[in-house]
Amino acid sequence: MSDPAARPQAAGDPEQFLAEFQASRSYLAGGVRGGGWLDFGQFNWHDVALGRAIRAALGALFAATDRLVDAVNTVADILRTHLAPARPSPAS
C-alpha cells in the first residue's frame, strides 16, 4: 500500500484545504505579530472619527444600492421591450 502523503491531492480535497487554510492563517498571524505588511504605524483608537466613518460607509452603501436599482430597472426595461407580445397595428 502506498504512503498517503506521497500521492497527489485531489482537487477540493479537505486535507489540502485545511493545509492551505492553516498556512494562510499562519502567514496572517505572522504579519500581525511581526509588524510586517500589517504595520499601520502609530495608531490610536481615540483618533478615529466614528461618526464620519459611519457616514462614509452608509454613503457608499446607498450609492451602490442606487446603482444596483438603476441596473435592475434598465434590465427590466430591455426585457419589457424585447419580450412584450407583438401588438396588432390599429386598423386604418
C-alpha atoms as a PDB file:
ATOM      1  CA  MET A   1       0.000   0.000   0.000  1.00  0.00           C
ATOM      2  CA  SER A   2       1.366   3.447  -0.908  1.00  0.00           C
ATOM      3  CA  ASP A   3       2.048   6.251   1.536  1.00  0.00           C
ATOM      4  CA  PRO A   4      -0.969   8.648   1.605  1.00  0.00           C
ATOM      5  CA  ALA A   5       1.360  11.668   1.902  1.00  0.00           C
ATOM      6  CA  ALA A   6       3.147  10.649  -1.328  1.00  0.00           C
ATOM      7  CA  ARG A   7       0.060  10.605  -3.518  1.00  0.00           C
ATOM      8  CA  PRO A   8      -1.140  13.820  -5.196  1.00  0.00           C
ATOM      9  CA  GLN A   9      -4.059  15.523  -3.537  1.00  0.00           C
ATOM     10  CA  ALA A  10      -7.341  15.602  -5.428  1.00  0.00           C
ATOM     11  CA  ALA A  11      -8.897  18.941  -6.244  1.00  0.00           C
ATOM     12  CA  GLY A  12     -11.153  20.002  -3.421  1.00  0.00           C
ATOM     13  CA  ASP A  13      -9.598  17.507  -1.024  1.00  0.00           C
ATOM     14  CA  PRO A  14     -10.384  18.502   2.594  1.00  0.00           C
ATOM     15  CA  GLU A  15      -6.813  17.763   3.713  1.00  0.00           C
ATOM     16  CA  GLN A  16      -5.391  20.136   1.105  1.00  0.00           C
ATOM     17  CA  PHE A  17      -7.925  22.798   2.015  1.00  0.00           C
ATOM     18  CA  LEU A  18      -7.010  22.540   5.701  1.00  0.00           C
ATOM     19  CA  ALA A  19      -3.286  22.708   4.920  1.00  0.00           C
ATOM     20  CA  GLU A  20      -3.732  25.833   2.780  1.00  0.00           C
ATOM     21  CA  PHE A  21      -6.005  27.410   5.381  1.00  0.00           C
ATOM     22  CA  GLN A  22      -3.500  26.794   8.170  1.00  0.00           C
ATOM     23  CA  ALA A  23      -0.670  28.198   6.049  1.00  0.00           C
ATOM     24  CA  SER A  24      -2.589  31.369   5.200  1.00  0.00           C
ATOM     25  CA  ARG A  25      -3.662  31.755   8.818  1.00  0.00           C
ATOM     26  CA  SER A  26      -0.057  31.374   9.958  1.00  0.00           C
ATOM     27  CA  TYR A  27       1.053  33.953   7.393  1.00  0.00           C
ATOM     28  CA  LEU A  28      -1.565  36.430   8.594  1.00  0.00           C
ATOM     29  CA  ALA A  29      -0.711  35.835  12.248  1.00  0.00           C
ATOM     30  CA  GLY A  30       2.980  36.362  11.478  1.00  0.00           C
ATOM     31  CA  GLY A  31       2.172  39.664   9.807  1.00  0.00           C
ATOM     32  CA  VAL A  32       0.163  40.801  12.801  1.00  0.00           C
ATOM     33  CA  ARG A  33       2.770  39.729  15.355  1.00  0.00           C
ATOM     34  CA  GLY A  34       5.838  40.808  13.447  1.00  0.00           C
ATOM     35  CA  GLY A  35       4.576  44.140  12.230  1.00  0.00           C
ATOM     36  CA  GLY A  36       5.460  43.400   8.580  1.00  0.00           C
ATOM     37  CA  TRP A  37       2.892  44.334   5.957  1.00  0.00           C
ATOM     38  CA  LEU A  38       0.170  44.933   8.550  1.00  0.00           C
ATOM     39  CA  ASP A  39       2.128  47.663  10.306  1.00  0.00           C
ATOM     40  CA  PHE A  40      -0.003  50.808  10.186  1.00  0.00           C
ATOM     41  CA  GLY A  41       2.446  52.830  12.231  1.00  0.00           C
ATOM     42  CA  GLN A  42       1.311  54.529  15.403  1.00  0.00           C
ATOM     43  CA  PHE A  43      -2.420  54.070  15.698  1.00  0.00           C
ATOM     44  CA  ASN A  44      -4.625  55.454  18.437  1.00  0.00           C
ATOM     45  CA  TRP A  45      -8.270  54.486  18.658  1.00  0.00           C
ATOM     46  CA  HIS A  46      -9.182  57.871  20.098  1.00  0.00           C
ATOM     47  CA  ASP A  47      -8.170  59.431  16.759  1.00  0.00           C
ATOM     48  CA  VAL A  48     -10.905  57.534  14.937  1.00  0.00           C
ATOM     49  CA  ALA A  49     -13.809  59.729  13.833  1.00  0.00           C
ATOM     50  CA  LEU A  50     -16.543  57.135  14.201  1.00  0.00           C
ATOM     51  CA  GLY A  51     -19.364  59.404  13.015  1.00  0.00           C
ATOM     52  CA  ARG A  52     -17.530  60.323   9.805  1.00  0.00           C
ATOM     53  CA  ALA A  53     -16.608  56.683   9.184  1.00  0.00           C
ATOM     54  CA  ILE A  54     -20.226  55.559   9.575  1.00  0.00           C
ATOM     55  CA  ARG A  55     -21.454  58.372   7.318  1.00  0.00           C
ATOM     56  CA  ALA A  56     -18.912  57.437   4.643  1.00  0.00           C
ATOM     57  CA  ALA A  57     -19.828  53.736   4.847  1.00  0.00           C
ATOM     58  CA  LEU A  58     -23.546  54.494   4.591  1.00  0.00           C
ATOM     59  CA  GLY A  59     -22.943  56.884   1.695  1.00  0.00           C
ATOM     60  CA  ALA A  60     -21.021  54.204  -0.201  1.00  0.00           C
ATOM     61  CA  LEU A  61     -23.710  51.633   0.574  1.00  0.00           C
ATOM     62  CA  PHE A  62     -26.528  53.903  -0.621  1.00  0.00           C
ATOM     63  CA  ALA A  63     -24.603  54.833  -3.789  1.00  0.00           C
ATOM     64  CA  ALA A  64     -24.026  51.159  -4.588  1.00  0.00           C
ATOM     65  CA  THR A  65     -27.684  50.361  -3.906  1.00  0.00           C
ATOM     66  CA  ASP A  66     -28.754  53.238  -6.143  1.00  0.00           C
ATOM     67  CA  ARG A  67     -26.617  51.927  -8.994  1.00  0.00           C
ATOM     68  CA  LEU A  68     -27.946  48.421  -8.494  1.00  0.00           C
ATOM     69  CA  VAL A  69     -31.540  49.661  -8.668  1.00  0.00           C
ATOM     70  CA  ASP A  70     -30.716  51.589 -11.856  1.00  0.00           C
ATOM     71  CA  ALA A  71     -29.170  48.467 -13.397  1.00  0.00           C
ATOM     72  CA  VAL A  72     -32.163  46.308 -12.479  1.00  0.00           C
ATOM     73  CA  ASN A  73     -34.561  48.892 -13.907  1.00  0.00           C
ATOM     74  CA  THR A  74     -32.543  49.069 -17.139  1.00  0.00           C
ATOM     75  CA  VAL A  75     -32.618  45.290 -17.499  1.00  0.00           C
ATOM     76  CA  ALA A  76     -36.365  45.286 -16.793  1.00  0.00           C
ATOM     77  CA  ASP A  77     -36.920  47.924 -19.488  1.00  0.00           C
ATOM     78  CA  ILE A  78     -34.886  45.938 -22.007  1.00  0.00           C
ATOM     79  CA  LEU A  79     -36.749  42.719 -21.210  1.00  0.00           C
ATOM     80  CA  ARG A  80     -40.086  44.508 -21.340  1.00  0.00           C
ATOM     81  CA  THR A  81     -39.421  45.847 -24.844  1.00  0.00           C
ATOM     82  CA  HIS A  82     -37.999  42.609 -26.241  1.00  0.00           C
ATOM     83  CA  LEU A  83     -40.348  40.158 -24.579  1.00  0.00           C
ATOM     84  CA  ALA A  84     -43.590  42.121 -24.912  1.00  0.00           C
ATOM     85  CA  PRO A  85     -46.146  40.429 -27.114  1.00  0.00           C
ATOM     86  CA  ALA A  86     -46.500  41.962 -30.545  1.00  0.00           C
ATOM     87  CA  ARG A  87     -49.440  44.347 -30.650  1.00  0.00           C
ATOM     88  CA  PRO A  88     -51.529  44.411 -33.787  1.00  0.00           C
ATOM     89  CA  SER A  89     -51.364  47.664 -35.653  1.00  0.00           C
ATOM     90  CA  PRO A  90     -54.550  49.714 -35.498  1.00  0.00           C
ATOM     91  CA  ALA A  91     -56.837  49.245 -38.472  1.00  0.00           C
ATOM     92  CA  SER A  92     -56.918  52.235 -40.763  1.00  0.00           C
END
